Amino acid sequence: MNQNIQQIYGVSDSQVARHRVLRNTYWLLAISMIPTVLGAWLGVQMGFSLFVGSPLISFILFMAIAFGFFFAIEKTKNSGLGVLFLLGFTFFMGLMLSRMIGAVLHNFSNGADLIIIAFGGTAGILAVMATIATVSKRDFSGLGKWLFAGLLVIIVASVLNIFLHIPALYLVVSVAVIALFSGYILYDVQQIVKGGETNYITATLNIYLDVYNIFVSLLRLLSYFAGNRN
């Protein structure tokens, strides 16, 4: 039956497989928001902070834990255990987000509105970029090396600003992150569409990181420019 339908509509097995990966990726991405929200809520309630005494040590600990999750997800990506590790990682990222969420809610009278706007803006960017990546005939695979180079520059600038505390650099990095990870959505979604990425757990992790970084940077910019301080 399925083979007959494929023949009628001229759909190949590889196209069906790509569609399945894309569909599963979007479903898992949506599900991953649940532990993220839960982690953020618990973190706000508990006053969670990975290492409040030193931003640099906090950054190093975060990277160590994150790469531990990346390693575990990569090793188990072909089993149900990979989904559990992915959801565990998104819960951890929610915890890491909680300090910023708590600060926005505490310091700004319109903090809840800023969070909702940032979420809506992130969803809009995801929808637009994913649609372009899906329907466009243009090949975005060449963006990969440029996006990675941009990511390295942003990481270096962010680490330097831990010591420099330059507000202008903080804003420039936030804008650059939104642009960079919007480009990564184009790249990552088209990797699925073109068959370059065939594992939906890995694909979900990539797009989740894109969405997470865009949300954080949007919230930073909104807090700076549109926040009404208490």
C-alpha atoms as a PDB file:
ATOM      1  CA  MET A   1       0.000   0.000   0.000  1.00  0.00           C
ATOM      2  CA  ASN A   2       2.695   2.483   1.048  1.00  0.00           C
ATOM      3  CA  GLN A   3       4.807   1.489  -1.954  1.00  0.00           C
ATOM      4  CA  ASN A   4       1.862   2.113  -4.284  1.00  0.00           C
ATOM      5  CA  ILE A   5       1.297   5.568  -2.791  1.00  0.00           C
ATOM      6  CA  GLN A   6       4.993   6.356  -3.174  1.00  0.00           C
ATOM      7  CA  GLN A   7       4.887   5.317  -6.821  1.00  0.00           C
ATOM      8  CA  ILE A   8       1.752   7.391  -7.515  1.00  0.00           C
ATOM      9  CA  TYR A   9       3.205  10.550  -6.002  1.00  0.00           C
ATOM     10  CA  GLY A  10       6.751   9.914  -7.178  1.00  0.00           C
ATOM     11  CA  VAL A  11       8.199   9.784  -3.660  1.00  0.00           C
ATOM     12  CA  SER A  12      11.363   7.751  -3.129  1.00  0.00           C
ATOM     13  CA  ASP A  13      12.282   5.697  -0.079  1.00  0.00           C
ATOM     14  CA  SER A  14      15.028   8.186   0.782  1.00  0.00           C
ATOM     15  CA  GLN A  15      12.540  11.065   0.718  1.00  0.00           C
ATOM     16  CA  VAL A  16      10.204   9.162   3.023  1.00  0.00           C
ATOM     17  CA  ALA A  17      13.117   8.478   5.386  1.00  0.00           C
ATOM     18  CA  ARG A  18      14.133  12.147   5.415  1.00  0.00           C
ATOM     19  CA  HIS A  19      10.555  13.206   6.111  1.00  0.00           C
ATOM     20  CA  ARG A  20      10.409  10.744   9.006  1.00  0.00           C
ATOM     21  CA  VAL A  21      13.624  12.107  10.511  1.00  0.00           C
ATOM     22  CA  LEU A  22      12.360  15.685  10.160  1.00  0.00           C
ATOM     23  CA  ARG A  23       8.986  14.821  11.707  1.00  0.00           C
ATOM     24  CA  ASN A  24      10.578  12.935  14.628  1.00  0.00           C
ATOM     25  CA  THR A  25      13.018  15.800  15.154  1.00  0.00           C
ATOM     26  CA  TYR A  26      10.229  18.367  15.456  1.00  0.00           C
ATOM     27  CA  TRP A  27       8.275  16.140  17.829  1.00  0.00           C
ATOM     28  CA  LEU A  28      11.298  15.504  20.056  1.00  0.00           C
ATOM     29  CA  LEU A  29      12.185  19.201  19.958  1.00  0.00           C
ATOM     30  CA  ALA A  30       8.699  20.054  21.202  1.00  0.00           C
ATOM     31  CA  ILE A  31       8.919  17.411  23.935  1.00  0.00           C
ATOM     32  CA  SER A  32      12.353  18.708  24.987  1.00  0.00           C
ATOM     33  CA  MET A  33      10.755  22.018  25.945  1.00  0.00           C
ATOM     34  CA  ILE A  34       8.953  20.282  28.844  1.00  0.00           C
ATOM     35  CA  PRO A  35      12.087  19.374  30.888  1.00  0.00           C
ATOM     36  CA  THR A  36      13.582  22.749  29.952  1.00  0.00           C
ATOM     37  CA  VAL A  37      10.610  24.615  31.427  1.00  0.00           C
ATOM     38  CA  LEU A  38      10.568  22.271  34.429  1.00  0.00           C
ATOM     39  CA  GLY A  39      14.278  22.789  35.039  1.00  0.00           C
ATOM     40  CA  ALA A  40      13.912  26.565  34.748  1.00  0.00           C
ATOM     41  CA  TRP A  41      10.956  26.590  37.158  1.00  0.00           C
ATOM     42  CA  LEU A  42      12.732  24.417  39.734  1.00  0.00           C
ATOM     43  CA  GLY A  43      15.889  26.476  39.380  1.00  0.00           C
ATOM     44  CA  VAL A  44      13.999  29.713  40.054  1.00  0.00           C
ATOM     45  CA  GLN A  45      12.286  28.168  43.094  1.00  0.00           C
ATOM     46  CA  MET A  46      15.577  26.800  44.472  1.00  0.00           C
ATOM     47  CA  GLY A  47      17.728  29.795  43.559  1.00  0.00           C
ATOM     48  CA  PHE A  48      19.962  27.455  41.549  1.00  0.00           C
ATOM     49  CA  SER A  49      23.454  28.584  40.580  1.00  0.00           C
ATOM     50  CA  LEU A  50      26.204  26.318  39.281  1.00  0.00           C
ATOM     51  CA  PHE A  51      29.014  28.318  40.917  1.00  0.00           C
ATOM     52  CA  VAL A  52      27.981  31.858  41.780  1.00  0.00           C
ATOM     53  CA  GLY A  53      31.355  32.807  43.281  1.00  0.00           C
ATOM     54  CA  SER A  54      33.279  32.790  39.993  1.00  0.00           C
ATOM     55  CA  PRO A  55      31.803  33.234  36.501  1.00  0.00           C
ATOM     56  CA  LEU A  56      34.873  31.594  34.959  1.00  0.00           C
ATOM     57  CA  ILE A  57      34.650  28.474  37.133  1.00  0.00           C
ATOM     58  CA  SER A  58      30.907  28.362  36.480  1.00  0.00           C
ATOM     59  CA  PHE A  59      31.596  28.488  32.724  1.00  0.00           C
ATOM     60  CA  ILE A  60      34.178  25.686  32.960  1.00  0.00           C
ATOM     61  CA  LEU A  61      31.809  23.496  35.007  1.00  0.00           C
ATOM     62  CA  PHE A  62      28.982  24.158  32.577  1.00  0.00           C
ATOM     63  CA  MET A  63      31.114  23.192  29.588  1.00  0.00           C
ATOM     64  CA  ALA A  64      32.319  20.021  31.334  1.00  0.00           C
ATOM     65  CA  ILE A  65      28.775  18.895  32.175  1.00  0.00           C
ATOM     66  CA  ALA A  66      27.434  19.862  28.740  1.00  0.00           C
ATOM     67  CA  PHE A  67      30.153  17.956  26.889  1.00  0.00           C
ATOM     68  CA  GLY A  68      29.533  14.993  29.180  1.00  0.00           C
ATOM     69  CA  PHE A  69      25.930  14.983  27.986  1.00  0.00           C
ATOM     70  CA  PHE A  70      27.057  15.420  24.362  1.00  0.00           C
ATOM     71  CA  PHE A  71      29.306  12.363  24.695  1.00  0.00           C
ATOM     72  CA  ALA A  72      26.536  10.270  26.257  1.00  0.00           C
ATOM     73  CA  ILE A  73      23.991  11.340  23.626  1.00  0.00           C
ATOM     74  CA  GLU A  74      26.378  10.539  20.790  1.00  0.00           C
ATOM     75  CA  LYS A  75      27.118   7.071  22.190  1.00  0.00           C
ATOM     76  CA  THR A  76      23.417   6.211  22.664  1.00  0.00           C
ATOM     77  CA  LYS A  77      21.829   8.106  19.750  1.00  0.00           C
ATOM     78  CA  ASN A  78      20.610   4.908  18.103  1.00  0.00           C
ATOM     79  CA  SER A  79      18.617   3.749  21.130  1.00  0.00           C
ATOM     80  CA  GLY A  80      15.880   4.972  23.437  1.00  0.00           C
ATOM     81  CA  LEU A  81      18.563   5.761  26.010  1.00  0.00           C
ATOM     82  CA  GLY A  82      19.704   8.572  23.736  1.00  0.00           C
ATOM     83  CA  VAL A  83      16.300  10.235  24.117  1.00  0.00           C
ATOM     84  CA  LEU A  84      16.597  10.022  27.912  1.00  0.00           C
ATOM     85  CA  PHE A  85      20.067  11.581  27.865  1.00  0.00           C
ATOM     86  CA  LEU A  86      18.792  14.314  25.544  1.00  0.00           C
ATOM     87  CA  LEU A  87      15.872  15.111  27.848  1.00  0.00           C
ATOM     88  CA  GLY A  88      18.255  15.055  30.826  1.00  0.00           C
ATOM     89  CA  PHE A  89      20.435  17.577  29.014  1.00  0.00           C
ATOM     90  CA  THR A  90      17.460  19.855  28.289  1.00  0.00           C
ATOM     91  CA  PHE A  91      16.506  19.705  31.978  1.00  0.00           C
ATOM     92  CA  PHE A  92      20.057  20.751  32.875  1.00  0.00           C
ATOM     93  CA  MET A  93      19.852  23.600  30.377  1.00  0.00           C
ATOM     94  CA  GLY A  94      16.609  24.695  32.009  1.00  0.00           C
ATOM     95  CA  LEU A  95      18.410  24.808  35.345  1.00  0.00           C
ATOM     96  CA  MET A  96      21.151  26.908  33.780  1.00  0.00           C
ATOM     97  CA  LEU A  97      18.529  29.239  32.343  1.00  0.00           C
ATOM     98  CA  SER A  98      16.779  29.695  35.698  1.00  0.00           C
ATOM     99  CA  ARG A  99      19.183  32.277  37.079  1.00  0.00           C
ATOM    100  CA  MET A 100      18.537  34.577  34.124  1.00  0.00           C
ATOM    101  CA  ILE A 101      14.782  33.936  34.245  1.00  0.00           C
ATOM    102  CA  GLY A 102      14.741  34.676  37.974  1.00  0.00           C
ATOM    103  CA  ALA A 103      16.709  37.901  37.508  1.00  0.00           C
ATOM    104  CA  VAL A 104      14.349  39.107  34.767  1.00  0.00           C
ATOM    105  CA  LEU A 105      11.265  38.340  36.852  1.00  0.00           C
ATOM    106  CA  HIS A 106      12.765  39.964  39.954  1.00  0.00           C
ATOM    107  CA  ASN A 107      14.312  43.076  38.415  1.00  0.00           C
ATOM    108  CA  PHE A 108      11.699  44.055  35.828  1.00  0.00           C
ATOM    109  CA  SER A 109       8.036  44.801  36.389  1.00  0.00           C
ATOM    110  CA  ASN A 110       7.329  43.506  32.870  1.00  0.00           C
ATOM    111  CA  GLY A 111       9.651  40.507  33.258  1.00  0.00           C
ATOM    112  CA  ALA A 112       6.980  37.920  32.443  1.00  0.00           C
ATOM    113  CA  ASP A 113       6.079  39.842  29.275  1.00  0.00           C
ATOM    114  CA  LEU A 114       9.735  39.964  28.217  1.00  0.00           C
ATOM    115  CA  ILE A 115      10.038  36.186  28.608  1.00  0.00           C
ATOM    116  CA  ILE A 116       6.866  35.591  26.565  1.00  0.00           C
ATOM    117  CA  ILE A 117       8.036  37.978  23.826  1.00  0.00           C
ATOM    118  CA  ALA A 118      11.461  36.315  23.710  1.00  0.00           C
ATOM    119  CA  PHE A 119       9.806  32.908  23.441  1.00  0.00           C
ATOM    120  CA  GLY A 120       7.486  34.102  20.682  1.00  0.00           C
ATOM    121  CA  GLY A 121      10.355  35.744  18.822  1.00  0.00           C
ATOM    122  CA  THR A 122      12.413  32.571  19.045  1.00  0.00           C
ATOM    123  CA  ALA A 123       9.507  30.474  17.774  1.00  0.00           C
ATOM    124  CA  GLY A 124       9.055  32.917  14.890  1.00  0.00           C
ATOM    125  CA  ILE A 125      12.726  32.752  13.908  1.00  0.00           C
ATOM    126  CA  LEU A 126      12.622  28.947  14.069  1.00  0.00           C
ATOM    127  CA  ALA A 127       9.490  28.800  11.890  1.00  0.00           C
ATOM    128  CA  VAL A 128      10.876  31.193   9.263  1.00  0.00           C
ATOM    129  CA  MET A 129      14.348  29.682   9.046  1.00  0.00           C
ATOM    130  CA  ALA A 130      13.091  26.093   9.071  1.00  0.00           C
ATOM    131  CA  THR A 131      10.623  26.917   6.289  1.00  0.00           C
ATOM    132  CA  ILE A 132      13.336  28.551   4.179  1.00  0.00           C
ATOM    133  CA  ALA A 133      15.635  25.567   4.737  1.00  0.00           C
ATOM    134  CA  THR A 134      12.861  23.157   3.720  1.00  0.00           C
ATOM    135  CA  VAL A 135      11.502  24.860   0.602  1.00  0.00           C
ATOM    136  CA  SER A 136      14.533  26.725  -0.730  1.00  0.00           C
ATOM    137  CA  LYS A 137      16.461  25.247  -3.651  1.00  0.00           C
ATOM    138  CA  ARG A 138      19.626  26.955  -2.421  1.00  0.00           C
ATOM    139  CA  ASP A 139      22.305  24.773  -0.862  1.00  0.00           C
ATOM    140  CA  PHE A 140      23.240  26.031   2.607  1.00  0.00           C
ATOM    141  CA  SER A 141      25.833  23.346   3.319  1.00  0.00           C
ATOM    142  CA  GLY A 142      28.622  25.821   2.560  1.00  0.00           C
ATOM    143  CA  LEU A 143      27.582  27.860   5.599  1.00  0.00           C
ATOM    144  CA  GLY A 144      28.958  25.233   7.956  1.00  0.00           C
ATOM    145  CA  LYS A 145      32.592  26.339   8.076  1.00  0.00           C
ATOM    146  CA  TRP A 146      31.666  30.037   8.297  1.00  0.00           C
ATOM    147  CA  LEU A 147      29.176  29.413  11.085  1.00  0.00           C
ATOM    148  CA  PHE A 148      31.741  27.413  13.036  1.00  0.00           C
ATOM    149  CA  ALA A 149      34.324  30.180  12.636  1.00  0.00           C
ATOM    150  CA  GLY A 150      31.747  32.701  13.871  1.00  0.00           C
ATOM    151  CA  LEU A 151      30.957  30.465  16.831  1.00  0.00           C
ATOM    152  CA  LEU A 152      34.625  30.381  17.864  1.00  0.00           C
ATOM    153  CA  VAL A 153      34.817  34.186  17.685  1.00  0.00           C
ATOM    154  CA  ILE A 154      31.693  34.544  19.826  1.00  0.00           C
ATOM    155  CA  ILE A 155      32.999  32.092  22.440  1.00  0.00           C
ATOM    156  CA  VAL A 156      36.292  33.997  22.695  1.00  0.00           C
ATOM    157  CA  ALA A 157      34.487  37.353  22.946  1.00  0.00           C
ATOM    158  CA  SER A 158      32.123  35.995  25.615  1.00  0.00           C
ATOM    159  CA  VAL A 159      34.972  34.619  27.741  1.00  0.00           C
ATOM    160  CA  LEU A 160      36.908  37.891  27.422  1.00  0.00           C
ATOM    161  CA  ASN A 161      33.868  39.868  28.515  1.00  0.00           C
ATOM    162  CA  ILE A 162      33.725  37.841  31.737  1.00  0.00           C
ATOM    163  CA  PHE A 163      36.793  39.884  32.731  1.00  0.00           C
ATOM    164  CA  LEU A 164      36.235  43.094  30.731  1.00  0.00           C
ATOM    165  CA  HIS A 165      32.543  43.726  31.566  1.00  0.00           C
ATOM    166  CA  ILE A 166      32.004  45.935  28.493  1.00  0.00           C
ATOM    167  CA  PRO A 167      28.253  46.595  27.978  1.00  0.00           C
ATOM    168  CA  ALA A 168      28.680  47.354  24.268  1.00  0.00           C
ATOM    169  CA  LEU A 169      30.476  44.039  23.706  1.00  0.00           C
ATOM    170  CA  TYR A 170      27.712  42.281  25.649  1.00  0.00           C
ATOM    171  CA  LEU A 171      25.116  43.702  23.253  1.00  0.00           C
ATOM    172  CA  VAL A 172      27.178  43.023  20.129  1.00  0.00           C
ATOM    173  CA  VAL A 173      27.670  39.395  21.172  1.00  0.00           C
ATOM    174  CA  SER A 174      23.926  38.999  21.829  1.00  0.00           C
ATOM    175  CA  VAL A 175      23.040  40.299  18.358  1.00  0.00           C
ATOM    176  CA  ALA A 176      25.752  38.151  16.774  1.00  0.00           C
ATOM    177  CA  VAL A 177      24.459  35.044  18.566  1.00  0.00           C
ATOM    178  CA  ILE A 178      20.940  35.586  17.193  1.00  0.00           C
ATOM    179  CA  ALA A 179      22.294  35.977  13.655  1.00  0.00           C
ATOM    180  CA  LEU A 180      24.699  33.046  13.991  1.00  0.00           C
ATOM    181  CA  PHE A 181      22.211  30.525  15.353  1.00  0.00           C
ATOM    182  CA  SER A 182      19.516  31.644  12.925  1.00  0.00           C
ATOM    183  CA  GLY A 183      22.033  30.627  10.267  1.00  0.00           C
ATOM    184  CA  TYR A 184      22.615  27.364  12.107  1.00  0.00           C
ATOM    185  CA  ILE A 185      18.871  26.599  11.951  1.00  0.00           C
ATOM    186  CA  LEU A 186      19.063  26.980   8.169  1.00  0.00           C
ATOM    187  CA  TYR A 187      22.067  24.694   8.059  1.00  0.00           C
ATOM    188  CA  ASP A 188      20.815  22.061  10.522  1.00  0.00           C
ATOM    189  CA  VAL A 189      17.307  21.740   9.091  1.00  0.00           C
ATOM    190  CA  GLN A 190      18.597  21.482   5.534  1.00  0.00           C
ATOM    191  CA  GLN A 191      21.035  18.795   6.649  1.00  0.00           C
ATOM    192  CA  ILE A 192      17.969  16.721   7.498  1.00  0.00           C
ATOM    193  CA  VAL A 193      16.083  17.660   4.338  1.00  0.00           C
ATOM    194  CA  LYS A 194      19.057  16.793   2.114  1.00  0.00           C
ATOM    195  CA  GLY A 195      19.838  13.576   3.970  1.00  0.00           C
ATOM    196  CA  GLY A 196      23.084  14.757   5.536  1.00  0.00           C
ATOM    197  CA  GLU A 197      21.714  14.078   9.028  1.00  0.00           C
ATOM    198  CA  THR A 198      19.819  10.806   9.438  1.00  0.00           C
ATOM    199  CA  ASN A 199      19.571  10.547  13.230  1.00  0.00           C
ATOM    200  CA  TYR A 200      16.686  12.479  14.745  1.00  0.00           C
ATOM    201  CA  ILE A 201      18.219  12.562  18.245  1.00  0.00           C
ATOM    202  CA  THR A 202      21.370  14.273  16.977  1.00  0.00           C
ATOM    203  CA  ALA A 203      19.267  16.559  14.783  1.00  0.00           C
ATOM    204  CA  THR A 204      17.097  17.533  17.749  1.00  0.00           C
ATOM    205  CA  LEU A 205      20.149  18.311  19.880  1.00  0.00           C
ATOM    206  CA  ASN A 206      21.556  20.591  17.180  1.00  0.00           C
ATOM    207  CA  ILE A 207      18.331  22.526  16.636  1.00  0.00           C
ATOM    208  CA  TYR A 208      17.630  22.689  20.390  1.00  0.00           C
ATOM    209  CA  LEU A 209      20.977  24.414  20.942  1.00  0.00           C
ATOM    210  CA  ASP A 210      20.167  26.844  18.120  1.00  0.00           C
ATOM    211  CA  VAL A 211      16.796  27.703  19.655  1.00  0.00           C
ATOM    212  CA  TYR A 212      18.167  27.923  23.210  1.00  0.00           C
ATOM    213  CA  ASN A 213      20.906  30.381  22.296  1.00  0.00           C
ATOM    214  CA  ILE A 214      18.536  32.566  20.264  1.00  0.00           C
ATOM    215  CA  PHE A 215      16.066  32.707  23.173  1.00  0.00           C
ATOM    216  CA  VAL A 216      18.745  33.654  25.705  1.00  0.00           C
ATOM    217  CA  SER A 217      20.144  36.421  23.499  1.00  0.00           C
ATOM    218  CA  LEU A 218      16.704  37.793  22.644  1.00  0.00           C
ATOM    219  CA  LEU A 219      15.821  37.917  26.327  1.00  0.00           C
ATOM    220  CA  ARG A 220      19.079  39.736  27.084  1.00  0.00           C
ATOM    221  CA  LEU A 221      18.387  42.360  24.432  1.00  0.00           C
ATOM    222  CA  LEU A 222      14.756  42.802  25.479  1.00  0.00           C
ATOM    223  CA  SER A 223      15.791  43.188  29.119  1.00  0.00           C
ATOM    224  CA  TYR A 224      18.340  45.827  28.184  1.00  0.00           C
ATOM    225  CA  PHE A 225      16.155  47.888  25.872  1.00  0.00           C
ATOM    226  CA  ALA A 226      12.557  47.182  26.917  1.00  0.00           C
ATOM    227  CA  GLY A 227      12.791  46.194  30.546  1.00  0.00           C
ATOM    228  CA  ASN A 228      10.968  48.324  33.114  1.00  0.00           C
ATOM    229  CA  ARG A 229      13.073  48.091  36.254  1.00  0.00           C
ATOM    230  CA  ASN A 230      11.300  47.706  39.575  1.00  0.00           C
END
